[in-house]
N, C-alpha and C. Protein backbone atom coordinates (compact mmCIF):
# COMPACT_ATOMS: atom_id res chain seq x y z
N UNK A 1 0.78 -1.24 0.07
CA UNK A 1 -0.13 0.03 -0.02
C UNK A 1 0.84 1.25 -0.02
N UNK A 2 0.59 2.08 -0.84
CA UNK A 2 1.41 3.57 -0.87
C UNK A 2 0.96 4.28 0.38
N UNK A 3 1.93 5.02 0.79
CA UNK A 3 1.81 5.86 1.93
C UNK A 3 0.86 7.00 1.54
N UNK A 4 0.02 7.35 2.47
CA UNK A 4 -0.92 8.61 2.30
C UNK A 4 -0.24 9.85 2.19
N UNK A 5 -0.56 10.74 1.25
CA UNK A 5 0.04 11.93 1.09
C UNK A 5 -0.78 13.00 1.69
N UNK A 6 -0.18 13.93 2.51
CA UNK A 6 -0.95 14.95 3.14
C UNK A 6 -1.05 16.18 2.16
N UNK A 7 -2.29 16.68 1.99
CA UNK A 7 -2.44 17.66 1.02
C UNK A 7 -2.97 18.96 1.93
N UNK A 8 -2.17 20.09 1.73
CA UNK A 8 -2.50 21.31 2.42
C UNK A 8 -3.65 22.02 1.86
N UNK A 9 -3.80 22.11 0.59
CA UNK A 9 -4.70 22.73 0.02
C UNK A 9 -5.59 22.03 -1.07
N UNK A 10 -6.77 22.09 -1.02
CA UNK A 10 -7.53 21.57 -2.19
C UNK A 10 -7.85 22.51 -3.34
N UNK A 11 -7.60 22.13 -4.54
CA UNK A 11 -7.73 22.89 -5.74
C UNK A 11 -9.10 23.50 -5.89
N UNK A 12 -9.27 24.63 -6.10
CA UNK A 12 -10.43 25.38 -6.22
C UNK A 12 -11.26 24.97 -7.43
N UNK A 13 -10.62 24.36 -8.49
CA UNK A 13 -11.25 23.76 -9.61
C UNK A 13 -10.67 22.39 -10.11
N UNK A 14 -11.47 21.65 -10.76
CA UNK A 14 -11.13 20.22 -10.91
C UNK A 14 -10.73 20.10 -12.58
N UNK A 15 -10.74 21.11 -13.33
CA UNK A 15 -10.78 20.95 -14.76
C UNK A 15 -10.39 22.11 -15.44
N UNK A 16 -9.43 21.98 -16.25
CA UNK A 16 -8.94 23.24 -17.19
C UNK A 16 -9.26 22.68 -18.67
N UNK A 17 -10.02 23.40 -19.42
CA UNK A 17 -10.21 23.10 -20.76
C UNK A 17 -9.72 24.14 -21.60
N UNK A 18 -8.66 23.78 -22.55
CA UNK A 18 -8.12 24.80 -23.48
C UNK A 18 -9.22 25.35 -24.61
N UNK A 19 -8.97 26.40 -24.98
CA UNK A 19 -9.83 26.85 -26.14
C UNK A 19 -8.88 27.36 -27.30
N UNK A 20 -8.98 26.87 -28.41
CA UNK A 20 -9.74 25.62 -28.75
C UNK A 20 -9.15 24.37 -28.25
N UNK A 21 -9.99 23.43 -28.08
CA UNK A 21 -9.48 22.07 -27.66
C UNK A 21 -9.02 21.12 -28.75
N UNK A 22 -7.80 20.87 -28.85
CA UNK A 22 -7.32 20.30 -30.07
C UNK A 22 -7.55 18.72 -30.01
N UNK A 23 -7.17 18.34 -28.73
CA UNK A 23 -7.24 16.75 -28.64
C UNK A 23 -8.42 16.64 -27.67
N UNK A 24 -9.54 15.72 -27.94
CA UNK A 24 -10.41 15.67 -26.89
C UNK A 24 -9.96 14.50 -25.75
N UNK A 25 -9.05 13.95 -25.92
CA UNK A 25 -8.58 13.01 -24.76
C UNK A 25 -7.93 13.71 -23.53
N UNK A 26 -8.67 13.69 -22.39
CA UNK A 26 -8.32 14.40 -21.34
C UNK A 26 -6.91 13.80 -20.75
N UNK A 27 -6.29 14.60 -19.87
CA UNK A 27 -5.18 14.10 -19.15
C UNK A 27 -5.39 14.29 -17.71
N UNK A 28 -5.21 13.06 -16.79
CA UNK A 28 -5.55 13.26 -15.40
C UNK A 28 -4.40 13.57 -14.61
N UNK A 29 -4.46 14.67 -13.80
CA UNK A 29 -3.51 14.95 -12.96
C UNK A 29 -4.04 14.58 -11.44
N UNK A 30 -3.22 13.83 -10.66
CA UNK A 30 -3.61 13.53 -9.32
C UNK A 30 -3.42 14.75 -8.49
N UNK A 31 -4.27 14.89 -7.37
CA UNK A 31 -4.17 15.79 -6.48
C UNK A 31 -2.79 15.89 -5.71
N UNK A 32 -2.21 14.71 -5.61
CA UNK A 32 -0.83 14.66 -4.86
C UNK A 32 0.31 15.35 -5.81
N UNK A 33 0.04 15.05 -7.15
CA UNK A 33 0.88 15.62 -8.05
C UNK A 33 0.83 17.18 -8.33
N UNK A 34 -0.40 17.71 -8.06
CA UNK A 34 -0.73 18.97 -8.14
C UNK A 34 -0.05 19.73 -6.79
N UNK A 35 -0.21 19.20 -5.70
CA UNK A 35 0.35 19.45 -4.55
C UNK A 35 1.84 19.73 -4.39
N UNK A 36 2.53 18.66 -5.06
CA UNK A 36 3.93 18.63 -5.01
C UNK A 36 4.37 19.83 -6.05
N UNK A 37 3.71 20.11 -7.13
CA UNK A 37 3.93 21.12 -8.12
C UNK A 37 3.88 22.45 -7.57
N UNK A 38 2.54 22.50 -6.64
CA UNK A 38 2.60 23.97 -5.95
C UNK A 38 3.50 24.26 -5.09
N UNK A 39 3.79 23.22 -4.21
CA UNK A 39 4.90 23.51 -3.12
C UNK A 39 6.13 23.87 -3.67
N UNK A 40 6.56 22.95 -4.73
CA UNK A 40 8.05 23.34 -5.12
C UNK A 40 8.09 24.47 -6.10
N UNK A 41 7.18 24.50 -7.05
CA UNK A 41 7.37 25.33 -8.21
C UNK A 41 6.53 26.79 -7.85
N UNK A 42 5.66 26.74 -7.11
CA UNK A 42 4.86 28.12 -6.78
C UNK A 42 5.29 28.57 -5.51
N UNK A 43 5.50 27.67 -4.55
CA UNK A 43 5.76 28.30 -3.04
C UNK A 43 7.22 28.34 -2.98
N UNK A 44 7.97 27.60 -3.87
CA UNK A 44 9.51 27.83 -3.88
C UNK A 44 10.16 26.91 -2.65
N UNK A 45 9.46 25.65 -2.17
CA UNK A 45 10.01 25.00 -1.14
C UNK A 45 11.05 24.04 -1.92
N UNK A 46 11.96 23.41 -1.15
CA UNK A 46 12.88 22.34 -1.63
C UNK A 46 11.95 21.14 -1.61
N UNK A 47 12.56 20.17 -2.26
CA UNK A 47 11.73 18.88 -2.43
C UNK A 47 11.82 18.25 -1.22
N UNK A 48 12.89 18.51 -0.28
CA UNK A 48 12.90 17.89 1.10
C UNK A 48 11.93 18.61 1.92
N UNK A 49 11.79 19.93 1.93
CA UNK A 49 10.64 20.64 2.53
C UNK A 49 9.34 20.30 2.23
N UNK A 50 9.07 20.21 0.91
CA UNK A 50 7.78 19.76 0.28
C UNK A 50 7.32 18.05 0.76
N UNK A 51 8.40 17.34 0.67
CA UNK A 51 8.33 16.07 1.44
C UNK A 51 7.76 16.11 2.93
N UNK A 52 8.51 16.90 3.64
CA UNK A 52 8.03 17.08 5.02
C UNK A 52 6.70 17.31 5.06
N UNK A 53 6.34 18.40 4.51
CA UNK A 53 4.88 19.01 4.35
C UNK A 53 3.96 18.02 3.94
N UNK A 54 4.29 17.21 2.95
CA UNK A 54 3.33 16.30 2.37
C UNK A 54 3.46 14.89 3.21
N UNK A 55 4.42 14.75 4.10
CA UNK A 55 4.67 13.69 4.83
C UNK A 55 5.03 12.45 4.04
N UNK A 56 5.76 12.61 3.18
CA UNK A 56 6.35 11.63 2.16
C UNK A 56 7.90 11.96 2.00
N UNK A 57 8.40 10.91 1.40
CA UNK A 57 9.97 11.09 1.09
C UNK A 57 10.29 12.21 0.16
N UNK A 58 11.53 12.64 -0.03
CA UNK A 58 11.91 13.54 -1.02
C UNK A 58 12.02 12.77 -2.50
N UNK A 59 12.06 11.51 -2.51
CA UNK A 59 11.99 10.81 -3.60
C UNK A 59 10.60 10.63 -4.16
N UNK A 60 9.61 10.65 -3.25
CA UNK A 60 8.29 10.46 -3.77
C UNK A 60 8.02 11.89 -4.48
N UNK A 61 8.26 12.95 -3.81
CA UNK A 61 8.06 14.32 -4.23
C UNK A 61 8.69 14.52 -5.64
N UNK A 62 10.06 13.94 -5.62
CA UNK A 62 10.60 14.20 -6.99
C UNK A 62 9.67 13.37 -8.03
N UNK A 63 9.30 12.01 -7.85
CA UNK A 63 8.54 11.30 -8.72
C UNK A 63 7.20 12.12 -9.11
N UNK A 64 6.50 12.60 -7.95
CA UNK A 64 5.29 13.29 -8.27
C UNK A 64 5.42 14.50 -9.16
N UNK A 65 6.48 15.36 -8.89
CA UNK A 65 6.99 16.30 -9.65
C UNK A 65 7.13 15.99 -11.13
N UNK A 66 8.13 15.10 -11.27
CA UNK A 66 8.36 14.64 -12.84
C UNK A 66 6.95 14.42 -13.41
N UNK A 67 6.06 13.63 -12.74
CA UNK A 67 4.91 13.27 -13.57
C UNK A 67 3.82 14.44 -13.76
N UNK A 68 3.85 15.32 -12.82
CA UNK A 68 2.99 16.66 -12.94
C UNK A 68 3.47 17.40 -13.99
N UNK A 69 4.67 17.59 -14.06
CA UNK A 69 5.32 18.62 -15.02
C UNK A 69 5.13 17.92 -16.48
N UNK A 70 5.35 16.73 -16.53
CA UNK A 70 5.17 16.15 -17.91
C UNK A 70 3.54 16.35 -18.44
N UNK A 71 2.64 15.89 -17.39
CA UNK A 71 1.38 16.07 -17.83
C UNK A 71 0.90 17.46 -18.10
N UNK A 72 1.26 18.53 -17.32
CA UNK A 72 0.96 19.83 -17.53
C UNK A 72 1.55 20.16 -18.98
N UNK A 73 2.76 19.81 -19.14
CA UNK A 73 3.49 20.33 -20.41
C UNK A 73 2.67 19.69 -21.69
N UNK A 74 2.27 18.52 -21.62
CA UNK A 74 1.54 17.67 -22.56
C UNK A 74 0.18 18.30 -22.71
N UNK A 75 -0.55 18.62 -21.55
CA UNK A 75 -1.90 19.35 -21.98
C UNK A 75 -1.72 20.61 -22.61
N UNK A 76 -0.68 21.44 -22.31
CA UNK A 76 -0.55 22.80 -22.75
C UNK A 76 -0.21 22.72 -24.34
N UNK A 77 0.73 21.76 -24.74
CA UNK A 77 1.47 21.65 -26.05
C UNK A 77 0.44 20.86 -26.88
N UNK A 78 -0.43 19.97 -26.40
CA UNK A 78 -1.22 19.22 -27.36
C UNK A 78 -2.84 19.69 -27.25
N UNK A 79 -3.16 20.84 -26.51
CA UNK A 79 -4.31 21.48 -26.49
C UNK A 79 -5.46 20.32 -25.87
N UNK A 80 -4.99 19.91 -24.68
CA UNK A 80 -5.78 18.75 -24.23
C UNK A 80 -6.29 19.19 -22.86
N UNK A 81 -7.38 18.71 -22.46
CA UNK A 81 -8.13 19.13 -21.12
C UNK A 81 -7.40 18.48 -20.08
N UNK A 82 -7.23 19.16 -18.97
CA UNK A 82 -6.49 18.60 -17.80
C UNK A 82 -7.64 18.66 -16.58
N UNK A 83 -7.74 17.34 -16.18
CA UNK A 83 -8.75 16.96 -15.06
C UNK A 83 -7.78 16.65 -13.83
N UNK A 84 -8.18 17.45 -12.62
CA UNK A 84 -7.56 17.02 -11.62
C UNK A 84 -8.30 15.99 -10.62
N UNK A 85 -8.00 14.84 -10.39
CA UNK A 85 -8.77 13.78 -9.73
C UNK A 85 -8.29 13.70 -8.21
N UNK A 86 -9.15 13.53 -7.43
CA UNK A 86 -9.08 13.66 -5.90
C UNK A 86 -8.18 12.31 -5.39
């Protein structure tokens, strides 16, 4: 069983839809991926500090960040809907 991740903020929205939407296939971003992205890229925390805040290891934060960054970049460059899952 994976260790539960502590989320400090719940996202105010669950979906981003580009206009025009080029590709109808959505990309699903997990809440834990969004939290890692928010803490490191928006709040400026180190991966170590983000891991402490989320109660996971630095390695887990690194994995979540890599996945989140790829998904966001893919959604932006391919004109795909981004759905945040709980």
